[in-house]
Amino acid sequence: MLRGLEIRDMLLIDRLELDFQPGLNVLTGETGAGKSILLDCLGFVLGWRGRADLVRAGAAQGEVTAVFDLEPDHPARAVLAEAGIEAEDDLILRRVNSSDGRKTAWVNDRRVSGEVLRQLSDVLVELHGQQDDRGLLNPRGHRALLDAFAGTDLAALRGHWHAVGRARRALGAAEADLAALKDEEDYLRHALDEFTKLAPEPGEEAELDSRRRLMQAGARIRDDIAKAMAALSHEGAEGALMDASRWLNGAADKAEGRLDQPIAALDRVLNELAEAQRGVEDCLDALVFDPRELEATEERLFAIRALARKHGVAPEGLDDVARDLAARVAALDTGAGHIGGLRQALAQAQGAYDDAARAVSETRKAAALRLDVAMAGELAPLKLERAVFVTDVSSGEAGPEGLDQVNFTVATNPGAPSGPLDRIASGGELSRFLLALKVCLTGGASGLTMIFDEIDRGVGGATADAVGRRLEAIAARGQVLVVTHSPQVAARGAHHWRVEKRQEAETTLSVVSRLGEAARIDEVARMLSGDRITDEARAAARALLSPQG
């Protein structure tokens, strides 16, 4: 609900604070008094695109602040969350327009873009008037309006639609992948056959290379290693060291302990020598090979390296290439069955969507009949009893909301051609059609503040009274602001403001006054009789304002 509107230095307004209330709020005043300025200012703070020259002449900047009350489940809270703004029970929108045209906006003291304001506007305020192209006159929104009237739950249908999309994308991707694999099937099978025949093992290339180098070096170094083995043997160093150990151990008893450390060191040397002998002996054994083994080792090593070059990888990457080739060939072999399963899944998803869409279509068609009956009941009191309103539900392009296209059409007389509201109805008729639609479509309160801008233009008497009663009924479920020239509508208001122009020195300003009981009688009397308010006009005003009026 719009609780407050504060305007500073905008158009003909220097300072203005308005406290709006629940129920029907009416704004009246003579033509040109500035009622539209209030809507311009409200539209400005809500981010609507409108006139550019809003700053009052001589002012550096203009500013508008709007305060809304938010219920715990108000949809504006989701918009705030998406924008990263903490939601509170009070929602404060503030927008400044400098004289050079720059615009800056804040929501709860957080600077925001005009787009965030417009997103909030969509869930805070709904404007209806003879130039209404954002709401009931926009055919793109008729299906959603009918669904709201019917209470249609589209969650399951949307789920089926997305499931169809996923199944279709999966099938398309699988078909494209299989086609690509078929284009290179001969290569893939030949390449995998090469891998199968060679069967390289992980790490094999490095092992073969080491073995090959060792065998190549064996002939050159074996003689030197054999000589070293002889030098370390019993006939060489080992024998001499063992003789020295024996001689020292024989003399140790008479050396008073002076030989203990040398003997221990010599024992360690003998142990290390034995270890060296074993290592040299193992090396000699490894250098014993058959020349045919070298040839076989080189042949396999070169084959592995050639295969790695062919696939553009290091030898250690051949295992990954083999797995990839095997997987792609397996996909070729199982592709037809996989695609068959995906086609079956798509058919099942499409069938579920079609069933859900048909059920929603039936719900919409039944709701369309109920809406048409409800509209007929509303049009008669509005002096449109000969008009025929039809909610046309036709086949449209499939989508997440189903297969239907919905359009509100009207024929102003039986037998006359029907068409869109804004093309068939005249200005006064259009206002009443919009009001009747709004009455029928607001069975469940949406939490919006509804604004009706001179929606009663062109009607009077009993028809204007019917308009006022319906506005009053809508306002009973929330908040309605109506700009009106009709005394019958103004009399239905729970709260009444008068807009007028005042001349101060050389400046013309628009001012807004909240009317008490006496002032309200005079304002309704003025609307009845003109500038000269007579006693008869006041009496008629009292009659209109009385609870039985």
Protein backbone atom coordinates (compact mmCIF):
# COMPACT_ATOMS: atom_id res chain seq x y z
CA MET A 1 0.00 0.00 0.00
CA LEU A 2 1.19 3.50 -0.85
CA ARG A 3 1.37 5.26 2.51
CA GLY A 4 3.08 8.52 1.67
CA LEU A 5 4.22 10.68 -1.24
CA GLU A 6 6.62 13.59 -0.75
CA ILE A 7 7.41 15.93 -3.65
CA ARG A 8 10.02 18.68 -3.75
CA ASP A 9 10.50 21.16 -6.62
CA MET A 10 8.81 19.14 -9.34
CA LEU A 11 6.89 20.93 -12.13
CA LEU A 12 4.39 23.27 -10.38
CA ILE A 13 4.94 21.78 -6.91
CA ASP A 14 7.41 23.30 -4.48
CA ARG A 15 6.71 21.30 -1.30
CA LEU A 16 4.03 18.65 -0.89
CA GLU A 17 3.46 15.77 1.49
CA LEU A 18 0.52 13.38 1.06
CA ASP A 19 -0.48 10.60 3.45
CA PHE A 20 -2.62 8.08 1.60
CA GLN A 21 -4.87 5.55 3.30
CA PRO A 22 -6.34 2.12 2.60
CA GLY A 23 -9.59 2.12 0.65
CA LEU A 24 -10.73 4.55 -2.02
CA ASN A 25 -8.65 7.76 -2.23
CA VAL A 26 -10.07 10.37 -4.62
CA LEU A 27 -8.30 13.38 -6.12
CA THR A 28 -10.45 16.10 -7.65
CA GLY A 29 -9.91 19.56 -9.02
CA GLU A 30 -10.56 21.71 -12.04
CA THR A 31 -9.05 20.80 -15.39
CA GLY A 32 -5.42 21.93 -15.47
CA ALA A 33 -5.15 22.17 -11.68
CA GLY A 34 -2.28 19.66 -11.65
CA LYS A 35 -3.83 16.28 -10.93
CA SER A 36 -1.76 14.72 -13.70
CA ILE A 37 1.36 16.23 -12.11
CA LEU A 38 0.88 13.98 -9.10
CA LEU A 39 0.79 10.94 -11.39
CA ASP A 40 3.84 12.22 -13.27
CA CYS A 41 5.74 12.52 -9.99
CA LEU A 42 4.62 9.12 -8.78
CA GLY A 43 5.60 7.62 -12.12
CA PHE A 44 9.00 9.32 -11.85
CA VAL A 45 9.84 7.77 -8.48
CA LEU A 46 8.62 4.38 -9.78
CA GLY A 47 10.94 4.54 -12.78
CA TRP A 48 8.26 4.97 -15.43
CA ARG A 49 9.34 6.58 -18.66
CA GLY A 50 7.62 9.94 -18.96
CA ARG A 51 8.22 13.61 -19.59
CA ALA A 52 11.79 14.85 -19.22
CA ASP A 53 11.21 18.43 -17.97
CA LEU A 54 10.16 17.63 -14.42
CA VAL A 55 12.31 20.01 -12.33
CA ARG A 56 10.49 23.16 -11.21
CA ALA A 57 11.69 26.28 -12.97
CA GLY A 58 14.50 27.94 -11.01
CA ALA A 59 15.25 24.87 -8.84
CA ALA A 60 18.59 23.03 -8.95
CA GLN A 61 16.92 19.66 -8.62
CA GLY A 62 13.60 17.98 -7.98
CA GLU A 63 12.98 15.05 -5.65
CA VAL A 64 10.17 12.55 -5.04
CA THR A 65 9.93 10.07 -2.16
CA ALA A 66 7.30 7.33 -1.96
CA VAL A 67 6.74 5.14 1.10
CA PHE A 68 4.99 1.76 0.82
CA ASP A 69 3.89 -0.70 3.47
CA LEU A 70 4.97 -4.26 2.68
CA GLU A 71 3.15 -7.31 3.97
CA PRO A 72 5.36 -10.32 4.89
CA ASP A 73 4.45 -12.15 1.67
CA HIS A 74 4.48 -9.11 -0.66
CA PRO A 75 6.12 -9.93 -4.03
CA ALA A 76 8.26 -6.78 -3.76
CA ARG A 77 10.36 -8.64 -1.20
CA ALA A 78 11.53 -11.06 -3.92
CA VAL A 79 12.55 -8.12 -6.13
CA LEU A 80 14.49 -6.60 -3.25
CA ALA A 81 16.22 -9.90 -2.51
CA GLU A 82 17.27 -10.24 -6.15
CA ALA A 83 18.73 -6.72 -6.01
CA GLY A 84 20.59 -7.53 -2.77
CA ILE A 85 18.53 -5.08 -0.69
CA GLU A 86 17.33 -6.03 2.77
CA ALA A 87 13.54 -5.91 2.95
CA GLU A 88 11.80 -4.11 5.79
CA ASP A 89 8.14 -3.45 6.57
CA ASP A 90 8.60 0.06 5.13
CA LEU A 91 9.79 0.38 1.53
CA ILE A 92 11.17 3.85 0.77
CA LEU A 93 11.77 4.86 -2.83
CA ARG A 94 13.57 8.15 -3.48
CA ARG A 95 14.55 9.61 -6.83
CA VAL A 96 16.25 12.90 -7.65
CA ASN A 97 16.21 14.71 -10.99
CA SER A 98 18.82 17.43 -11.46
CA SER A 99 18.19 20.42 -13.71
CA ASP A 100 20.66 19.04 -16.27
CA GLY A 101 18.57 15.86 -16.64
CA ARG A 102 20.60 13.43 -14.51
CA LYS A 103 18.49 11.03 -12.44
CA THR A 104 19.57 9.19 -9.30
CA ALA A 105 17.49 6.68 -7.33
CA TRP A 106 17.62 4.99 -3.91
CA VAL A 107 15.65 2.14 -2.37
CA ASN A 108 15.88 1.98 1.43
CA ASP A 109 18.98 4.21 1.17
CA ARG A 110 20.64 1.84 -1.33
CA ARG A 111 21.43 3.39 -4.68
CA VAL A 112 19.69 1.52 -7.51
CA SER A 113 19.11 1.68 -11.25
CA GLY A 114 15.91 2.76 -12.93
CA GLU A 115 15.37 -0.87 -13.92
CA VAL A 116 15.12 -1.93 -10.26
CA LEU A 117 12.52 0.82 -9.72
CA ARG A 118 10.51 -0.46 -12.67
CA GLN A 119 10.65 -4.04 -11.38
CA LEU A 120 9.33 -2.83 -8.03
CA SER A 121 6.70 -0.74 -9.80
CA ASP A 122 5.30 -3.85 -11.49
CA VAL A 123 4.42 -5.36 -8.10
CA LEU A 124 3.57 -2.15 -6.23
CA VAL A 125 1.33 -0.07 -8.48
CA GLU A 126 -1.09 -0.71 -11.33
CA LEU A 127 -2.25 2.21 -13.47
CA HIS A 128 -5.51 2.12 -15.43
CA GLY A 129 -6.79 4.78 -17.74
CA GLN A 130 -7.88 5.44 -21.29
CA GLN A 131 -4.29 5.10 -22.44
CA ASP A 132 -3.73 1.89 -20.47
CA ASP A 133 -1.22 -0.11 -22.52
CA ARG A 134 0.67 -1.72 -19.62
CA GLY A 135 -2.22 -3.69 -18.17
CA LEU A 136 -5.60 -4.86 -19.37
CA LEU A 137 -5.23 -3.56 -22.93
CA ASN A 138 -1.99 -5.44 -23.54
CA PRO A 139 -2.91 -8.77 -25.25
CA ARG A 140 0.38 -10.29 -24.11
CA GLY A 141 -0.91 -10.23 -20.55
CA HIS A 142 -4.41 -11.58 -21.17
CA ARG A 143 -3.46 -15.22 -20.68
CA ALA A 144 -1.87 -14.47 -17.31
CA LEU A 145 -4.95 -12.48 -16.28
CA LEU A 146 -7.24 -15.37 -17.21
CA ASP A 147 -5.02 -17.82 -15.32
CA ALA A 148 -5.17 -15.59 -12.25
CA PHE A 149 -8.96 -15.44 -12.55
CA ALA A 150 -9.12 -19.24 -12.87
CA GLY A 151 -6.54 -19.90 -10.16
CA THR A 152 -4.61 -22.03 -12.64
CA ASP A 153 -1.51 -23.74 -11.23
CA LEU A 154 1.06 -23.82 -14.03
CA ALA A 155 3.94 -25.33 -12.03
CA ALA A 156 3.46 -28.88 -13.36
CA LEU A 157 2.99 -27.67 -16.94
CA ARG A 158 6.16 -25.59 -16.79
CA GLY A 159 8.01 -28.60 -15.38
CA HIS A 160 6.85 -30.78 -18.28
CA TRP A 161 7.86 -28.08 -20.77
CA HIS A 162 11.37 -27.87 -19.35
CA ALA A 163 11.58 -31.68 -19.31
CA VAL A 164 10.70 -31.72 -23.04
CA GLY A 165 13.41 -29.15 -23.67
CA ARG A 166 16.00 -31.16 -21.80
CA ALA A 167 15.01 -34.38 -23.58
CA ARG A 168 15.10 -32.64 -26.98
CA ARG A 169 18.52 -31.14 -26.29
CA ALA A 170 19.88 -34.48 -25.09
CA LEU A 171 18.60 -36.23 -28.24
CA GLY A 172 19.96 -33.53 -30.53
CA ALA A 173 23.38 -33.66 -28.88
CA ALA A 174 23.48 -37.47 -29.06
CA GLU A 175 22.48 -37.47 -32.73
CA ALA A 176 25.11 -34.86 -33.55
CA ASP A 177 27.77 -36.79 -31.62
CA LEU A 178 26.89 -40.06 -33.36
CA ALA A 179 26.95 -38.40 -36.77
CA ALA A 180 30.39 -36.97 -36.03
CA LEU A 181 31.61 -40.38 -34.88
CA LYS A 182 30.26 -42.05 -38.03
CA ASP A 183 32.17 -39.53 -40.15
CA GLU A 184 35.44 -40.85 -38.67
CA GLU A 185 34.39 -44.41 -37.95
CA ASP A 186 37.04 -46.01 -40.25
CA TYR A 187 39.81 -44.02 -38.63
CA LEU A 188 38.60 -44.76 -35.08
CA ARG A 189 38.37 -48.50 -35.63
CA HIS A 190 41.77 -48.64 -37.37
CA ALA A 191 43.41 -46.57 -34.63
CA LEU A 192 41.93 -48.72 -31.88
CA ASP A 193 43.10 -51.86 -33.73
CA GLU A 194 46.66 -50.45 -33.75
CA PHE A 195 46.50 -49.91 -30.01
CA THR A 196 45.04 -53.36 -29.44
CA LYS A 197 47.84 -55.03 -31.41
CA LEU A 198 50.69 -53.05 -29.86
CA ALA A 199 49.13 -52.95 -26.37
CA PRO A 200 51.58 -50.45 -24.83
CA GLU A 201 51.75 -50.55 -21.05
CA PRO A 202 51.94 -47.48 -18.81
CA GLY A 203 55.63 -46.62 -18.20
CA GLU A 204 56.82 -49.18 -20.74
CA GLU A 205 58.56 -46.65 -23.00
CA ALA A 206 60.82 -45.37 -20.23
CA GLU A 207 61.63 -48.94 -19.14
CA LEU A 208 62.49 -50.02 -22.71
CA ASP A 209 64.63 -46.93 -23.24
CA SER A 210 66.62 -47.62 -20.08
CA ARG A 211 67.07 -51.29 -21.01
CA ARG A 212 68.19 -50.36 -24.52
CA ARG A 213 70.79 -47.86 -23.30
CA LEU A 214 72.08 -50.37 -20.81
CA MET A 215 72.50 -53.07 -23.48
CA GLN A 216 74.15 -50.58 -25.87
CA ALA A 217 76.64 -49.57 -23.19
CA GLY A 218 77.24 -53.11 -21.95
CA ALA A 219 79.90 -54.09 -24.51
CA ARG A 220 81.92 -50.94 -23.82
CA ILE A 221 81.93 -51.02 -20.04
CA ARG A 222 81.80 -54.71 -19.18
CA ASP A 223 85.60 -55.22 -19.36
CA ASP A 224 86.27 -52.34 -16.98
CA ILE A 225 83.60 -53.59 -14.60
CA ALA A 226 85.09 -57.10 -14.71
CA LYS A 227 88.56 -55.71 -13.89
CA ALA A 228 87.03 -53.79 -10.99
CA MET A 229 85.35 -56.98 -9.82
CA ALA A 230 88.71 -58.78 -9.87
CA ALA A 231 90.35 -55.95 -7.92
CA LEU A 232 87.67 -56.20 -5.27
CA SER A 233 87.79 -60.01 -5.02
CA HIS A 234 89.68 -62.31 -2.66
CA GLU A 235 92.70 -62.11 -4.93
CA GLY A 236 92.62 -58.36 -4.70
CA ALA A 237 91.43 -55.89 -2.09
CA GLU A 238 89.28 -58.34 -0.18
CA GLY A 239 92.21 -60.73 0.43
CA ALA A 240 94.57 -57.95 1.52
CA LEU A 241 92.01 -56.49 3.91
CA MET A 242 91.24 -59.88 5.41
CA ASP A 243 94.98 -60.51 5.95
CA ALA A 244 95.30 -57.13 7.65
CA SER A 245 92.29 -57.88 9.85
CA ARG A 246 93.74 -61.25 10.88
CA TRP A 247 97.14 -59.77 11.72
CA LEU A 248 95.65 -56.93 13.75
CA ASN A 249 93.32 -59.22 15.70
CA GLY A 250 96.36 -61.40 16.57
CA ALA A 251 98.24 -58.43 17.95
CA ALA A 252 95.29 -56.75 19.67
CA ASP A 253 95.68 -58.57 23.03
CA LYS A 254 99.13 -57.06 23.55
CA ALA A 255 98.31 -53.56 22.20
CA GLU A 256 96.48 -52.43 25.36
CA GLY A 257 93.29 -51.53 23.35
CA ARG A 258 95.01 -49.25 20.90
CA LEU A 259 93.96 -51.48 17.96
CA ASP A 260 90.26 -51.79 18.88
CA GLN A 261 89.15 -48.76 16.86
CA PRO A 262 91.20 -49.61 13.76
CA ILE A 263 89.92 -53.21 13.86
CA ALA A 264 86.28 -51.99 14.08
CA ALA A 265 86.83 -49.62 11.17
CA LEU A 266 88.37 -52.41 9.15
CA ASP A 267 85.33 -54.62 9.83
CA ARG A 268 83.09 -51.87 8.50
CA VAL A 269 85.22 -51.57 5.40
CA LEU A 270 84.92 -55.30 4.80
CA ASN A 271 81.13 -55.09 5.07
CA GLU A 272 80.97 -52.16 2.63
CA LEU A 273 83.30 -53.99 0.31
CA ALA A 274 81.00 -57.01 0.31
CA GLU A 275 78.07 -54.70 -0.61
CA ALA A 276 80.10 -53.20 -3.45
CA GLN A 277 80.98 -56.65 -4.73
CA ARG A 278 77.34 -57.66 -4.85
CA GLY A 279 76.38 -54.49 -6.73
CA VAL A 280 79.16 -54.91 -9.28
CA GLU A 281 78.28 -58.57 -9.71
CA ASP A 282 74.60 -57.69 -10.33
CA CYS A 283 75.64 -55.13 -12.93
CA LEU A 284 77.81 -57.71 -14.70
CA ASP A 285 74.87 -60.12 -14.74
CA ALA A 286 72.63 -57.42 -16.24
CA LEU A 287 75.15 -56.73 -18.98
CA VAL A 288 74.88 -60.27 -20.17
CA PHE A 289 72.30 -60.20 -23.04
CA ASP A 290 71.44 -61.75 -26.32
CA PRO A 291 71.96 -59.34 -29.27
CA ARG A 292 68.56 -60.39 -30.54
CA GLU A 293 67.06 -58.98 -27.31
CA LEU A 294 68.52 -55.56 -28.12
CA GLU A 295 66.98 -55.70 -31.57
CA ALA A 296 63.56 -56.68 -30.18
CA THR A 297 63.75 -53.98 -27.50
CA GLU A 298 64.57 -51.28 -30.04
CA GLU A 299 61.83 -52.41 -32.38
CA ARG A 300 59.13 -52.17 -29.68
CA LEU A 301 60.52 -48.90 -28.31
CA PHE A 302 60.41 -47.29 -31.75
CA ALA A 303 56.89 -48.62 -32.39
CA ILE A 304 55.62 -47.06 -29.15
CA ARG A 305 57.29 -43.74 -29.95
CA ALA A 306 55.88 -43.74 -33.48
CA LEU A 307 52.37 -44.35 -32.13
CA ALA A 308 52.79 -41.45 -29.69
CA ARG A 309 53.92 -39.13 -32.49
CA LYS A 310 50.98 -40.19 -34.64
CA HIS A 311 48.51 -39.14 -31.93
CA GLY A 312 50.43 -36.04 -30.90
CA VAL A 313 51.09 -37.05 -27.33
CA ALA A 314 54.05 -38.02 -25.17
CA PRO A 315 54.47 -41.79 -24.77
CA GLU A 316 53.10 -41.61 -21.25
CA GLY A 317 49.85 -40.15 -22.71
CA LEU A 318 49.09 -43.18 -24.88
CA ASP A 319 46.99 -44.80 -22.17
CA ASP A 320 44.55 -41.85 -22.21
CA VAL A 321 44.37 -41.97 -26.02
CA ALA A 322 43.59 -45.68 -25.91
CA ARG A 323 40.76 -45.15 -23.41
CA ASP A 324 39.31 -42.32 -25.49
CA LEU A 325 39.40 -44.39 -28.68
CA ALA A 326 37.78 -47.32 -26.92
CA ALA A 327 35.03 -45.08 -25.53
CA ARG A 328 34.31 -43.54 -28.93
CA VAL A 329 34.16 -46.89 -30.67
CA ALA A 330 31.89 -48.17 -27.90
CA ALA A 331 29.67 -45.12 -28.47
CA LEU A 332 29.52 -46.03 -32.15
CA ASP A 333 28.51 -49.57 -31.31
CA THR A 334 25.85 -48.54 -28.76
CA GLY A 335 24.82 -45.23 -30.35
CA ALA A 336 21.72 -46.46 -32.13
CA GLY A 337 20.34 -48.03 -28.95
CA HIS A 338 21.20 -44.93 -26.89
CA ILE A 339 19.44 -42.65 -29.36
CA GLY A 340 16.44 -44.95 -29.38
CA GLY A 341 16.20 -44.61 -25.62
CA LEU A 342 16.47 -40.82 -25.85
CA ARG A 343 13.74 -40.69 -28.49
CA GLN A 344 11.50 -42.73 -26.25
CA ALA A 345 12.26 -40.39 -23.33
CA LEU A 346 11.41 -37.38 -25.53
CA ALA A 347 8.16 -38.97 -26.61
CA GLN A 348 7.21 -39.65 -23.00
CA ALA A 349 8.09 -36.09 -21.95
CA GLN A 350 6.16 -34.66 -24.91
CA GLY A 351 3.15 -36.82 -24.08
CA ALA A 352 3.17 -35.66 -20.47
CA TYR A 353 3.41 -32.03 -21.63
CA ASP A 354 0.58 -32.47 -24.15
CA ASP A 355 -1.68 -34.02 -21.51
CA ALA A 356 -0.93 -31.22 -19.03
CA ALA A 357 -1.36 -28.54 -21.70
CA ARG A 358 -4.75 -29.96 -22.75
CA ALA A 359 -5.87 -30.00 -19.12
CA VAL A 360 -4.81 -26.35 -18.70
CA SER A 361 -6.61 -25.47 -21.95
CA GLU A 362 -9.82 -26.99 -20.65
CA THR A 363 -9.41 -25.05 -17.40
CA ARG A 364 -8.89 -21.84 -19.36
CA LYS A 365 -11.90 -22.41 -21.61
CA ALA A 366 -14.13 -23.07 -18.61
CA ALA A 367 -12.74 -19.97 -16.87
CA ALA A 368 -13.25 -17.93 -20.04
CA LEU A 369 -16.96 -18.78 -20.00
CA ARG A 370 -17.20 -17.78 -16.33
CA LEU A 371 -15.37 -14.53 -17.01
CA ASP A 372 -17.66 -13.71 -19.92
CA VAL A 373 -20.72 -14.29 -17.69
CA ALA A 374 -19.19 -12.16 -14.93
CA MET A 375 -18.41 -9.39 -17.42
CA ALA A 376 -21.97 -9.44 -18.73
CA GLY A 377 -23.19 -8.89 -15.19
CA GLU A 378 -20.80 -5.98 -14.70
CA LEU A 379 -21.42 -4.27 -18.05
CA ALA A 380 -25.17 -3.86 -17.65
CA PRO A 381 -25.01 -1.44 -14.68
CA LEU A 382 -22.33 0.48 -16.57
CA LYS A 383 -24.81 1.13 -19.43
CA LEU A 384 -23.07 -1.37 -21.69
CA GLU A 385 -25.81 -3.98 -21.58
CA ARG A 386 -25.78 -4.39 -25.38
CA ALA A 387 -22.03 -5.02 -25.50
CA VAL A 388 -20.74 -8.55 -25.88
CA PHE A 389 -17.46 -9.36 -24.14
CA VAL A 390 -15.73 -12.59 -25.22
CA THR A 391 -12.60 -14.19 -23.86
CA ASP A 392 -11.15 -15.86 -26.93
CA VAL A 393 -9.00 -18.92 -26.17
CA SER A 394 -7.32 -20.14 -29.37
CA SER A 395 -4.42 -22.35 -30.31
CA GLY A 396 -1.06 -20.69 -30.10
CA GLU A 397 2.59 -21.58 -30.07
CA ALA A 398 3.56 -24.16 -27.47
CA GLY A 399 5.45 -22.83 -24.49
CA PRO A 400 5.93 -23.19 -20.75
CA GLU A 401 2.42 -21.76 -20.17
CA GLY A 402 0.76 -24.12 -22.62
CA LEU A 403 -0.67 -24.11 -26.13
CA ASP A 404 -3.21 -21.30 -25.80
CA GLN A 405 -3.44 -17.73 -26.96
CA VAL A 406 -5.89 -15.59 -25.00
CA ASN A 407 -7.43 -12.32 -26.16
CA PHE A 408 -10.14 -10.17 -24.61
CA THR A 409 -12.46 -9.04 -27.41
CA VAL A 410 -15.62 -6.98 -27.47
CA ALA A 411 -18.50 -6.11 -29.76
CA THR A 412 -20.35 -2.97 -28.71
CA ASN A 413 -23.64 -4.31 -30.11
CA PRO A 414 -24.97 -7.81 -30.79
CA GLY A 415 -24.12 -8.85 -34.33
CA ALA A 416 -21.43 -6.20 -34.69
CA PRO A 417 -17.89 -7.38 -35.45
CA SER A 418 -15.76 -8.02 -32.41
CA GLY A 419 -12.18 -6.97 -31.92
CA PRO A 420 -9.59 -5.85 -29.36
CA LEU A 421 -10.86 -3.57 -26.62
CA ASP A 422 -8.79 -0.55 -27.60
CA ARG A 423 -9.89 -0.71 -31.26
CA ILE A 424 -13.63 -1.31 -30.84
CA ALA A 425 -14.59 0.70 -27.77
CA SER A 426 -14.83 4.49 -27.68
CA GLY A 427 -13.04 6.46 -24.97
CA GLY A 428 -15.90 6.40 -22.47
CA GLU A 429 -16.78 2.80 -23.28
CA LEU A 430 -13.17 1.74 -22.93
CA SER A 431 -12.96 3.16 -19.43
CA ARG A 432 -16.02 1.22 -18.36
CA PHE A 433 -14.80 -2.00 -19.99
CA LEU A 434 -11.51 -1.67 -18.12
CA LEU A 435 -13.30 -1.06 -14.85
CA ALA A 436 -15.61 -4.04 -15.36
CA LEU A 437 -12.61 -6.23 -16.17
CA LYS A 438 -10.77 -5.05 -13.11
CA VAL A 439 -13.78 -5.82 -10.90
CA CYS A 440 -13.98 -9.36 -12.33
CA LEU A 441 -10.24 -9.99 -12.16
CA THR A 442 -9.58 -8.80 -8.62
CA GLY A 443 -11.38 -11.51 -6.69
CA GLY A 444 -8.11 -12.21 -4.93
CA ALA A 445 -6.27 -9.10 -3.78
CA SER A 446 -2.90 -8.76 -5.49
CA GLY A 447 -1.31 -6.39 -3.00
CA LEU A 448 -1.14 -3.68 -5.65
CA THR A 449 -2.06 -0.05 -5.22
CA MET A 450 -4.44 0.56 -8.13
CA ILE A 451 -4.62 3.97 -9.78
CA PHE A 452 -7.50 4.93 -12.07
CA ASP A 453 -6.78 8.06 -14.08
CA GLU A 454 -10.09 9.70 -15.13
CA ILE A 455 -11.51 6.28 -15.91
CA ASP A 456 -14.98 7.82 -15.55
CA ARG A 457 -14.45 10.32 -18.37
CA GLY A 458 -17.43 10.64 -20.66
CA VAL A 459 -20.00 9.14 -18.30
CA GLY A 460 -22.38 10.68 -15.81
CA GLY A 461 -25.55 10.15 -13.81
CA ALA A 462 -26.40 6.54 -12.99
CA THR A 463 -23.45 5.25 -15.01
CA ALA A 464 -21.00 7.38 -13.07
CA ASP A 465 -22.62 6.17 -9.86
CA ALA A 466 -22.11 2.57 -11.01
CA VAL A 467 -18.47 3.38 -11.74
CA GLY A 468 -18.05 4.82 -8.25
CA ARG A 469 -19.67 1.82 -6.59
CA ARG A 470 -17.34 -0.55 -8.41
CA LEU A 471 -14.28 1.46 -7.52
CA GLU A 472 -15.47 1.41 -3.93
CA ALA A 473 -15.86 -2.39 -4.10
CA ILE A 474 -12.34 -2.84 -5.47
CA ALA A 475 -10.92 -0.50 -2.83
CA ALA A 476 -12.56 -2.51 -0.04
CA ARG A 477 -9.96 -5.21 -0.74
CA GLY A 478 -6.94 -2.92 -0.83
CA GLN A 479 -6.06 0.60 -1.94
CA VAL A 480 -7.33 2.58 -4.91
CA LEU A 481 -6.35 6.09 -6.02
CA VAL A 482 -8.70 7.67 -8.52
CA VAL A 483 -8.35 10.96 -10.37
CA THR A 484 -11.91 12.00 -11.22
CA HIS A 485 -14.16 14.77 -12.47
CA SER A 486 -17.29 12.86 -11.51
CA PRO A 487 -19.11 13.91 -8.32
CA GLN A 488 -20.75 10.49 -8.12
CA VAL A 489 -17.30 8.84 -8.05
CA ALA A 490 -15.82 11.42 -5.68
CA ALA A 491 -18.67 10.86 -3.24
CA ARG A 492 -17.70 7.19 -2.93
CA GLY A 493 -14.22 8.01 -1.69
CA ALA A 494 -13.16 7.21 1.86
CA HIS A 495 -10.47 9.92 1.62
CA HIS A 496 -10.66 13.05 -0.51
CA TRP A 497 -7.98 15.47 -1.77
CA ARG A 498 -8.52 18.61 -3.81
CA VAL A 499 -5.85 19.76 -6.30
CA GLU A 500 -5.80 23.45 -7.27
CA LYS A 501 -3.52 26.10 -8.68
CA ARG A 502 -2.49 29.14 -6.68
CA GLN A 503 -0.73 32.27 -7.78
CA GLU A 504 2.02 33.40 -5.39
CA ALA A 505 3.79 36.58 -6.50
CA GLU A 506 4.89 35.71 -10.03
CA THR A 507 4.84 31.93 -9.46
CA THR A 508 2.03 29.48 -10.18
CA LEU A 509 1.97 26.45 -7.88
CA SER A 510 -0.18 23.35 -7.58
CA VAL A 511 -1.29 22.58 -4.05
CA VAL A 512 -3.15 19.59 -2.65
CA SER A 513 -5.42 19.79 0.36
CA ARG A 514 -7.04 16.97 2.25
CA LEU A 515 -10.71 17.79 2.66
CA GLY A 516 -12.69 17.58 5.84
CA GLU A 517 -16.45 16.99 5.88
CA ALA A 518 -17.54 20.58 5.17
CA ALA A 519 -14.88 21.21 2.53
CA ARG A 520 -15.76 17.94 0.88
CA ILE A 521 -19.43 18.95 0.60
CA ASP A 522 -18.36 22.18 -1.11
CA GLU A 523 -16.01 20.32 -3.50
CA VAL A 524 -18.67 17.83 -4.56
CA ALA A 525 -21.13 20.73 -4.90
CA ARG A 526 -18.63 22.54 -7.14
CA MET A 527 -18.32 19.40 -9.28
CA LEU A 528 -22.12 19.35 -9.57
CA SER A 529 -22.80 23.03 -10.28
CA GLY A 530 -19.56 24.68 -11.41
CA ASP A 531 -17.82 27.73 -9.93
CA ARG A 532 -20.98 29.11 -8.28
CA ILE A 533 -21.91 26.79 -5.45
CA THR A 534 -25.61 27.02 -4.61
CA ASP A 535 -27.54 25.72 -1.64
CA GLU A 536 -29.20 23.27 -3.98
CA ALA A 537 -25.80 21.99 -5.07
CA ARG A 538 -24.74 21.57 -1.44
CA ALA A 539 -27.92 19.65 -0.71
CA ALA A 540 -27.28 17.39 -3.68
CA ALA A 541 -23.69 16.92 -2.51
CA ARG A 542 -24.87 15.93 0.98
CA ALA A 543 -27.23 13.42 -0.59
CA LEU A 544 -24.42 11.90 -2.63
CA LEU A 545 -22.11 11.76 0.38
CA SER A 546 -24.65 10.22 2.72
CA PRO A 547 -24.14 6.49 3.45
CA GLN A 548 -27.38 5.75 1.58
CA GLY A 549 -26.32 7.86 -1.40
